[in-house]
């Protein structure tokens, strides 16, 4: 995407990083790829954040959303009401990922995913 961003400095690009559920993050932990996945996110997002015509909205640290599996159809696809929530955040410039906060946001997500008590997701009553 960077060639398009560079070729069109007059265009504002909006990058949305949606809230994947804890099932997604559990898969990353169990497969041993969590650290690599966060590193890839960091590389891509920190590079994109350097462009003046790019705004990145990051929702993966929305712990109230991602820990409630009732919010999802599968590990990545949330229910429609969160589309409206993300839209409102974009309109109000909330949940922005920048060069200043990228490392902190992704480090926080790494530790949250690494240390989460996943067994609580599988308990039935």
C-alpha atoms as a PDB file:
ATOM      1  CA  UNK A   1       0.000   0.000   0.000  1.00  0.00           C
ATOM      2  CA  UNK A   2       2.905   2.388   0.555  1.00  0.00           C
ATOM      3  CA  UNK A   3       3.415   3.043  -3.185  1.00  0.00           C
ATOM      4  CA  UNK A   4      -0.212   4.267  -3.345  1.00  0.00           C
ATOM      5  CA  UNK A   5       0.239   6.414  -0.252  1.00  0.00           C
ATOM      6  CA  UNK A   6       3.387   7.962  -1.675  1.00  0.00           C
ATOM      7  CA  UNK A   7       1.857   8.459  -5.137  1.00  0.00           C
ATOM      8  CA  UNK A   8      -1.178  10.255  -3.681  1.00  0.00           C
ATOM      9  CA  UNK A   9      -0.056  12.691  -0.973  1.00  0.00           C
ATOM     10  CA  UNK A  10      -3.265  14.673  -1.504  1.00  0.00           C
ATOM     11  CA  UNK A  11      -5.361  11.682  -0.415  1.00  0.00           C
ATOM     12  CA  UNK A  12      -6.062  10.872   3.246  1.00  0.00           C
ATOM     13  CA  UNK A  13      -5.757   7.129   3.920  1.00  0.00           C
ATOM     14  CA  UNK A  14      -7.614   5.636   6.874  1.00  0.00           C
ATOM     15  CA  UNK A  15      -6.263   2.369   8.258  1.00  0.00           C
ATOM     16  CA  UNK A  16      -8.539   0.527  10.664  1.00  0.00           C
ATOM     17  CA  UNK A  17      -7.101  -2.243  12.849  1.00  0.00           C
ATOM     18  CA  UNK A  18     -10.237  -3.982  14.144  1.00  0.00           C
ATOM     19  CA  UNK A  19     -10.709  -5.648  17.537  1.00  0.00           C
ATOM     20  CA  UNK A  20      -9.906  -9.348  17.098  1.00  0.00           C
ATOM     21  CA  UNK A  21     -11.265 -11.574  19.834  1.00  0.00           C
ATOM     22  CA  UNK A  22      -9.194 -13.339  22.445  1.00  0.00           C
ATOM     23  CA  UNK A  23      -9.720 -16.531  20.421  1.00  0.00           C
ATOM     24  CA  UNK A  24      -7.529 -15.009  17.721  1.00  0.00           C
ATOM     25  CA  UNK A  25      -4.884 -14.098  20.274  1.00  0.00           C
ATOM     26  CA  UNK A  26      -5.087 -17.528  21.884  1.00  0.00           C
ATOM     27  CA  UNK A  27      -4.311 -19.063  18.482  1.00  0.00           C
ATOM     28  CA  UNK A  28      -1.238 -16.840  18.252  1.00  0.00           C
ATOM     29  CA  UNK A  29      -0.088 -17.881  21.723  1.00  0.00           C
ATOM     30  CA  UNK A  30      -0.702 -21.611  21.151  1.00  0.00           C
ATOM     31  CA  UNK A  31       1.061 -21.602  17.788  1.00  0.00           C
ATOM     32  CA  UNK A  32       4.045 -19.768  19.278  1.00  0.00           C
ATOM     33  CA  UNK A  33       3.679 -16.844  16.863  1.00  0.00           C
ATOM     34  CA  UNK A  34       2.478 -14.092  19.203  1.00  0.00           C
ATOM     35  CA  UNK A  35       5.818 -12.300  19.351  1.00  0.00           C
ATOM     36  CA  UNK A  36       6.236 -12.509  15.567  1.00  0.00           C
ATOM     37  CA  UNK A  37       2.690 -11.281  14.951  1.00  0.00           C
ATOM     38  CA  UNK A  38       3.165  -8.266  17.206  1.00  0.00           C
ATOM     39  CA  UNK A  39       6.516  -7.549  15.542  1.00  0.00           C
ATOM     40  CA  UNK A  40       4.849  -7.605  12.105  1.00  0.00           C
ATOM     41  CA  UNK A  41       2.093  -5.292  13.332  1.00  0.00           C
ATOM     42  CA  UNK A  42       4.715  -2.969  14.776  1.00  0.00           C
ATOM     43  CA  UNK A  43       6.763  -2.906  11.596  1.00  0.00           C
ATOM     44  CA  UNK A  44       3.765  -2.212   9.363  1.00  0.00           C
ATOM     45  CA  UNK A  45       1.915   0.232  11.603  1.00  0.00           C
ATOM     46  CA  UNK A  46       4.952   2.235  12.680  1.00  0.00           C
ATOM     47  CA  UNK A  47       5.960   2.629   9.045  1.00  0.00           C
ATOM     48  CA  UNK A  48       2.454   3.671   7.986  1.00  0.00           C
ATOM     49  CA  UNK A  49       2.214   6.114  10.894  1.00  0.00           C
ATOM     50  CA  UNK A  50       5.151   8.061   9.484  1.00  0.00           C
ATOM     51  CA  UNK A  51       3.096   9.280   6.528  1.00  0.00           C
ATOM     52  CA  UNK A  52       1.361  12.632   6.931  1.00  0.00           C
ATOM     53  CA  UNK A  53      -1.601  11.471   4.846  1.00  0.00           C
ATOM     54  CA  UNK A  54      -2.304   8.311   6.877  1.00  0.00           C
ATOM     55  CA  UNK A  55      -4.459   7.995   9.966  1.00  0.00           C
ATOM     56  CA  UNK A  56      -4.454   4.672  11.805  1.00  0.00           C
ATOM     57  CA  UNK A  57      -7.230   3.680  14.177  1.00  0.00           C
ATOM     58  CA  UNK A  58      -6.294   0.839  16.493  1.00  0.00           C
ATOM     59  CA  UNK A  59      -8.962  -1.208  18.279  1.00  0.00           C
ATOM     60  CA  UNK A  60      -7.135  -4.368  19.295  1.00  0.00           C
ATOM     61  CA  UNK A  61      -6.559  -3.105  22.835  1.00  0.00           C
ATOM     62  CA  UNK A  62     -10.292  -2.733  23.461  1.00  0.00           C
ATOM     63  CA  UNK A  63     -10.284  -5.299  26.252  1.00  0.00           C
ATOM     64  CA  UNK A  64     -13.993  -4.944  27.078  1.00  0.00           C
ATOM     65  CA  UNK A  65     -14.786  -5.908  23.502  1.00  0.00           C
ATOM     66  CA  UNK A  66     -12.169  -8.571  22.758  1.00  0.00           C
ATOM     67  CA  UNK A  67     -12.646 -10.560  25.960  1.00  0.00           C
ATOM     68  CA  UNK A  68     -16.406 -10.952  25.486  1.00  0.00           C
ATOM     69  CA  UNK A  69     -16.909 -13.760  22.964  1.00  0.00           C
ATOM     70  CA  UNK A  70     -20.591 -12.846  22.651  1.00  0.00           C
ATOM     71  CA  UNK A  71     -19.321  -9.928  20.560  1.00  0.00           C
ATOM     72  CA  UNK A  72     -18.066 -12.277  17.813  1.00  0.00           C
ATOM     73  CA  UNK A  73     -19.253 -14.654  15.108  1.00  0.00           C
ATOM     74  CA  UNK A  74     -15.792 -16.256  14.971  1.00  0.00           C
ATOM     75  CA  UNK A  75     -12.312 -15.342  16.189  1.00  0.00           C
ATOM     76  CA  UNK A  76     -12.088 -12.169  14.089  1.00  0.00           C
ATOM     77  CA  UNK A  77     -15.548 -11.043  12.986  1.00  0.00           C
ATOM     78  CA  UNK A  78     -17.316  -8.912  15.537  1.00  0.00           C
ATOM     79  CA  UNK A  79     -21.005  -8.072  15.639  1.00  0.00           C
ATOM     80  CA  UNK A  80     -22.246  -5.109  13.567  1.00  0.00           C
ATOM     81  CA  UNK A  81     -22.617  -2.636  16.423  1.00  0.00           C
ATOM     82  CA  UNK A  82     -18.836  -2.373  16.670  1.00  0.00           C
ATOM     83  CA  UNK A  83     -18.694  -1.095  13.108  1.00  0.00           C
ATOM     84  CA  UNK A  84     -20.681   1.923  14.296  1.00  0.00           C
ATOM     85  CA  UNK A  85     -18.423   2.292  17.331  1.00  0.00           C
ATOM     86  CA  UNK A  86     -15.316   2.304  15.117  1.00  0.00           C
ATOM     87  CA  UNK A  87     -16.962   4.765  12.720  1.00  0.00           C
ATOM     88  CA  UNK A  88     -17.723   7.116  15.618  1.00  0.00           C
ATOM     89  CA  UNK A  89     -14.115   6.836  16.814  1.00  0.00           C
ATOM     90  CA  UNK A  90     -12.843   7.780  13.364  1.00  0.00           C
ATOM     91  CA  UNK A  91     -15.204  10.764  13.200  1.00  0.00           C
ATOM     92  CA  UNK A  92     -14.000  11.898  16.643  1.00  0.00           C
ATOM     93  CA  UNK A  93     -10.305  11.071  16.116  1.00  0.00           C
ATOM     94  CA  UNK A  94     -10.312   8.529  18.950  1.00  0.00           C
ATOM     95  CA  UNK A  95      -8.173   5.392  19.111  1.00  0.00           C
ATOM     96  CA  UNK A  96      -5.499   6.930  16.906  1.00  0.00           C
ATOM     97  CA  UNK A  97      -2.252   5.056  16.598  1.00  0.00           C
ATOM     98  CA  UNK A  98       0.692   7.398  16.016  1.00  0.00           C
ATOM     99  CA  UNK A  99       4.459   7.192  15.891  1.00  0.00           C
ATOM    100  CA  UNK A 100       4.402   8.354  19.534  1.00  0.00           C
ATOM    101  CA  UNK A 101       2.119   5.629  20.899  1.00  0.00           C
ATOM    102  CA  UNK A 102       2.644   2.714  18.483  1.00  0.00           C
ATOM    103  CA  UNK A 103       5.244   0.902  20.545  1.00  0.00           C
ATOM    104  CA  UNK A 104       3.265   1.293  23.775  1.00  0.00           C
ATOM    105  CA  UNK A 105      -0.013   0.092  22.234  1.00  0.00           C
ATOM    106  CA  UNK A 106       1.575  -2.985  20.705  1.00  0.00           C
ATOM    107  CA  UNK A 107       3.645  -3.790  23.779  1.00  0.00           C
ATOM    108  CA  UNK A 108       0.484  -3.570  25.883  1.00  0.00           C
ATOM    109  CA  UNK A 109      -1.328  -5.886  23.448  1.00  0.00           C
ATOM    110  CA  UNK A 110       1.548  -8.345  23.516  1.00  0.00           C
ATOM    111  CA  UNK A 111       1.524  -8.640  27.302  1.00  0.00           C
ATOM    112  CA  UNK A 112      -2.258  -8.682  27.510  1.00  0.00           C
ATOM    113  CA  UNK A 113      -2.424 -11.548  25.003  1.00  0.00           C
ATOM    114  CA  UNK A 114       0.535 -13.395  26.520  1.00  0.00           C
ATOM    115  CA  UNK A 115      -0.747 -13.262  30.095  1.00  0.00           C
ATOM    116  CA  UNK A 116      -4.496 -13.597  29.516  1.00  0.00           C
ATOM    117  CA  UNK A 117      -6.162 -16.485  31.420  1.00  0.00           C
ATOM    118  CA  UNK A 118      -7.549 -18.190  28.294  1.00  0.00           C
ATOM    119  CA  UNK A 119      -9.042 -21.061  30.298  1.00  0.00           C
ATOM    120  CA  UNK A 120     -11.745 -18.614  31.422  1.00  0.00           C
ATOM    121  CA  UNK A 121     -12.991 -18.469  27.828  1.00  0.00           C
ATOM    122  CA  UNK A 122     -13.686 -22.196  27.826  1.00  0.00           C
ATOM    123  CA  UNK A 123     -15.479 -22.560  31.148  1.00  0.00           C
ATOM    124  CA  UNK A 124     -19.114 -23.530  30.897  1.00  0.00           C
ATOM    125  CA  UNK A 125     -21.638 -23.182  33.665  1.00  0.00           C
END
